[in-house]
Amino acid sequence: MGRISFKPGNMLYPLPAVLVTSRDASGRDHIFTVAWAGTVCTNPPMLSISVRPGRASYPAIRQTGEFVVNLTTKKMVGDVDYCGVRSGREHDKWTERGLEKMEASKVNCPALAASPVQIECKVREILELGSHHMFVADVVHVSVDEAYMDEKNRFHLEKADPIVYSHGTYFDLGKPLGTFGYSVRKKKRRS
């Protein structure tokens, strides 16, 4: 079987499909879909989102330096799509989709109440890279829905049915294939 060459481009998929919320300097709340989000650093905790400067939410994040990354679920996929294809310049996405806000704890932004995980961020650096500008941000607070906590105080995002995005399509994650380190873990002996 042969290989086919593609033009250079992003083939790093799937990616989390997240809803990013922010508030501009005049107090208007924004929400939009981002698929180009990722972990930057564990210690200190940092993440990045890459945003086109033409997006309606871009100036709010640039002005205030704050945003919330709201993880999404299978139940939210219609909201995720809508907030990615409708502009906040012409649409009040919060009202049109019936999205419930809650105030973030450490940043002056709304968070999405339905999200199982809300990651509050303060921008550390903006890298103007071309079509997208990358907001590299410190994670200053994380809030999780207690419905996904177990009796040992462990969080189970998989029970929320998170979604990912790949080349224009949303997917759920399906069944687990193994846990970190499973390939080298010693098997327990049976007595």
Protein backbone atom coordinates (compact mmCIF):
# COMPACT_ATOMS: atom_id res chain seq x y z
CA MET A 1 0.00 0.00 0.00
CA GLY A 2 1.36 3.41 -1.00
CA ARG A 3 1.32 6.84 0.57
CA ILE A 4 -0.33 10.00 -0.78
CA SER A 5 1.26 13.41 -0.25
CA PHE A 6 -0.92 16.27 1.00
CA LYS A 7 -0.04 19.94 1.03
CA PRO A 8 1.37 21.00 4.41
CA GLY A 9 -1.47 21.62 6.84
CA ASN A 10 -2.92 20.65 10.16
CA MET A 11 -3.68 16.96 10.34
CA LEU A 12 -3.49 16.80 14.12
CA TYR A 13 -7.01 15.54 14.78
CA PRO A 14 -9.26 14.87 16.66
CA LEU A 15 -9.27 17.87 18.95
CA PRO A 16 -11.51 18.85 21.84
CA ALA A 17 -14.44 20.99 20.72
CA VAL A 18 -14.73 23.59 23.49
CA LEU A 19 -16.89 26.63 24.09
CA VAL A 20 -14.86 29.67 25.09
CA THR A 21 -16.58 32.40 27.07
CA SER A 22 -15.39 35.93 27.68
CA ARG A 23 -16.60 39.39 28.63
CA ASP A 24 -15.51 42.54 26.81
CA ALA A 25 -14.53 45.84 28.43
CA SER A 26 -18.11 47.17 28.05
CA GLY A 27 -19.54 44.16 29.95
CA ARG A 28 -20.97 42.23 26.97
CA ASP A 29 -20.66 38.45 27.28
CA HIS A 30 -19.34 36.36 24.39
CA ILE A 31 -19.33 32.65 23.56
CA PHE A 32 -17.76 30.84 20.61
CA THR A 33 -16.49 27.43 19.58
CA VAL A 34 -12.78 26.67 19.46
CA ALA A 35 -11.26 23.43 18.21
CA TRP A 36 -7.68 24.65 18.33
CA ALA A 37 -7.15 24.42 22.07
CA GLY A 38 -4.47 22.51 23.88
CA THR A 39 -2.27 21.92 26.87
CA VAL A 40 0.90 23.99 26.99
CA CYS A 41 2.41 23.21 30.38
CA THR A 42 1.66 21.22 33.54
CA ASN A 43 3.59 23.29 36.06
CA PRO A 44 2.58 26.08 35.99
CA PRO A 45 -0.72 24.94 34.46
CA MET A 46 -1.13 26.60 31.07
CA LEU A 47 -3.20 26.11 27.94
CA SER A 48 -3.62 27.81 24.61
CA ILE A 49 -6.42 28.69 22.24
CA SER A 50 -5.83 29.81 18.67
CA VAL A 51 -8.33 32.35 17.35
CA ARG A 52 -8.75 34.23 14.09
CA PRO A 53 -8.57 37.99 14.76
CA GLY A 54 -11.78 38.45 12.77
CA ARG A 55 -13.86 36.48 15.29
CA ALA A 56 -16.27 38.65 17.29
CA SER A 57 -14.89 37.32 20.60
CA TYR A 58 -11.26 38.05 19.73
CA PRO A 59 -11.22 41.73 20.85
CA ALA A 60 -12.81 40.83 24.20
CA ILE A 61 -10.07 38.35 25.04
CA ARG A 62 -7.36 40.66 23.75
CA GLN A 63 -8.70 43.66 25.76
CA THR A 64 -9.38 41.92 29.07
CA GLY A 65 -6.85 39.10 28.96
CA GLU A 66 -9.35 36.65 30.44
CA PHE A 67 -11.50 33.76 29.20
CA VAL A 68 -13.01 30.46 30.27
CA VAL A 69 -12.61 27.19 28.37
CA ASN A 70 -15.80 25.17 28.85
CA LEU A 71 -15.51 21.48 27.98
CA THR A 72 -18.46 20.12 26.02
CA THR A 73 -20.55 16.97 25.89
CA LYS A 74 -22.66 14.93 23.50
CA LYS A 75 -25.79 16.70 24.81
CA MET A 76 -24.22 20.06 23.94
CA VAL A 77 -23.15 19.27 20.35
CA GLY A 78 -25.90 21.43 18.79
CA ASP A 79 -24.78 24.39 20.91
CA VAL A 80 -21.14 23.75 20.01
CA ASP A 81 -21.92 23.79 16.31
CA TYR A 82 -24.22 26.83 16.51
CA CYS A 83 -21.68 28.88 18.47
CA GLY A 84 -19.06 28.02 15.86
CA VAL A 85 -21.06 28.98 12.76
CA ARG A 86 -22.98 32.04 14.03
CA SER A 87 -21.25 35.32 14.75
CA GLY A 88 -21.81 37.22 17.96
CA ARG A 89 -21.94 40.38 15.83
CA GLU A 90 -25.35 39.37 14.45
CA HIS A 91 -26.60 36.85 17.02
CA ASP A 92 -27.13 36.70 20.76
CA LYS A 93 -26.03 33.08 20.97
CA TRP A 94 -26.69 32.91 24.73
CA THR A 95 -30.38 33.76 24.27
CA GLU A 96 -30.93 32.00 20.95
CA ARG A 97 -29.62 28.69 22.31
CA GLY A 98 -30.99 29.13 25.84
CA LEU A 99 -27.52 28.85 27.36
CA GLU A 100 -27.30 29.35 31.10
CA LYS A 101 -24.44 31.49 32.41
CA MET A 102 -22.73 31.39 35.74
CA GLU A 103 -19.99 33.69 36.96
CA ALA A 104 -16.45 32.35 36.94
CA SER A 105 -14.62 32.31 40.26
CA LYS A 106 -11.25 33.93 39.49
CA VAL A 107 -11.79 35.82 36.21
CA ASN A 108 -14.38 38.42 35.22
CA CYS A 109 -16.13 36.21 32.66
CA PRO A 110 -19.23 34.11 32.38
CA ALA A 111 -18.87 30.34 32.38
CA LEU A 112 -21.28 27.91 30.76
CA ALA A 113 -23.39 26.24 33.48
CA ALA A 114 -23.92 23.04 31.45
CA SER A 115 -20.19 22.42 31.04
CA PRO A 116 -18.77 19.54 33.10
CA VAL A 117 -15.41 21.35 33.36
CA GLN A 118 -14.76 25.10 33.34
CA ILE A 119 -11.12 26.18 33.01
CA GLU A 120 -10.56 29.82 33.94
CA CYS A 121 -7.62 31.49 32.21
CA LYS A 122 -5.56 34.67 32.24
CA VAL A 123 -3.61 35.48 29.08
CA ARG A 124 0.17 35.41 29.54
CA GLU A 125 1.19 35.98 25.93
CA ILE A 126 -0.34 36.50 22.49
CA LEU A 127 1.54 35.03 19.55
CA GLU A 128 0.45 36.56 16.24
CA LEU A 129 1.23 33.59 14.01
CA GLY A 130 -0.67 34.22 10.75
CA SER A 131 -4.31 33.31 10.18
CA HIS A 132 -4.66 32.65 13.92
CA HIS A 133 -3.32 34.32 17.02
CA MET A 134 -2.47 32.03 19.90
CA PHE A 135 -3.49 33.09 23.39
CA VAL A 136 -1.13 31.35 25.78
CA ALA A 137 -2.79 31.47 29.18
CA ASP A 138 -2.29 30.55 32.81
CA VAL A 139 -4.99 28.33 34.26
CA VAL A 140 -6.06 30.16 37.42
CA HIS A 141 -9.04 28.03 38.45
CA VAL A 142 -10.85 24.84 37.45
CA SER A 143 -14.43 24.03 38.36
CA VAL A 144 -15.97 20.58 37.80
CA ASP A 145 -19.55 19.34 38.03
CA GLU A 146 -19.85 17.22 41.17
CA ALA A 147 -22.16 14.83 39.29
CA TYR A 148 -19.02 13.28 37.76
CA MET A 149 -17.16 12.75 41.03
CA ASP A 150 -16.98 9.30 42.60
CA GLU A 151 -16.92 8.25 46.23
CA LYS A 152 -13.08 8.44 46.25
CA ASN A 153 -13.23 12.08 45.07
CA ARG A 154 -11.98 11.23 41.56
CA PHE A 155 -13.39 13.04 38.56
CA HIS A 156 -14.82 10.99 35.64
CA LEU A 157 -15.12 13.17 32.53
CA GLU A 158 -15.91 10.08 30.44
CA LYS A 159 -19.31 9.84 32.15
CA ALA A 160 -20.20 13.28 30.74
CA ASP A 161 -19.80 11.98 27.15
CA PRO A 162 -17.21 14.54 25.95
CA ILE A 163 -16.96 15.30 22.25
CA VAL A 164 -14.13 15.97 19.82
CA TYR A 165 -13.88 17.57 16.38
CA SER A 166 -12.14 16.13 13.34
CA HIS A 167 -12.13 17.62 9.84
CA GLY A 168 -15.62 19.12 10.01
CA THR A 169 -17.28 16.35 12.05
CA TYR A 170 -18.09 16.01 15.75
CA PHE A 171 -17.51 12.64 17.45
CA ASP A 172 -18.07 11.17 20.86
CA LEU A 173 -15.13 9.31 22.35
CA GLY A 174 -16.46 5.75 22.36
CA LYS A 175 -15.18 3.03 24.64
CA PRO A 176 -11.90 3.24 26.59
CA LEU A 177 -8.96 1.29 25.14
CA GLY A 178 -6.63 1.39 28.14
CA THR A 179 -5.39 3.65 30.91
CA PHE A 180 -2.05 5.45 31.09
CA GLY A 181 0.72 2.89 31.65
CA TYR A 182 -1.44 -0.16 30.92
CA SER A 183 1.08 -1.56 28.42
CA VAL A 184 3.81 -1.88 31.04
CA ARG A 185 1.75 -2.52 34.17
CA LYS A 186 2.46 -5.82 35.89
CA LYS A 187 -0.44 -8.23 35.86
CA LYS A 188 -1.84 -9.17 39.25
CA ARG A 189 -1.29 -12.80 40.12
CA ARG A 190 -4.32 -14.83 40.88
CA SER A 191 -4.13 -17.02 43.97
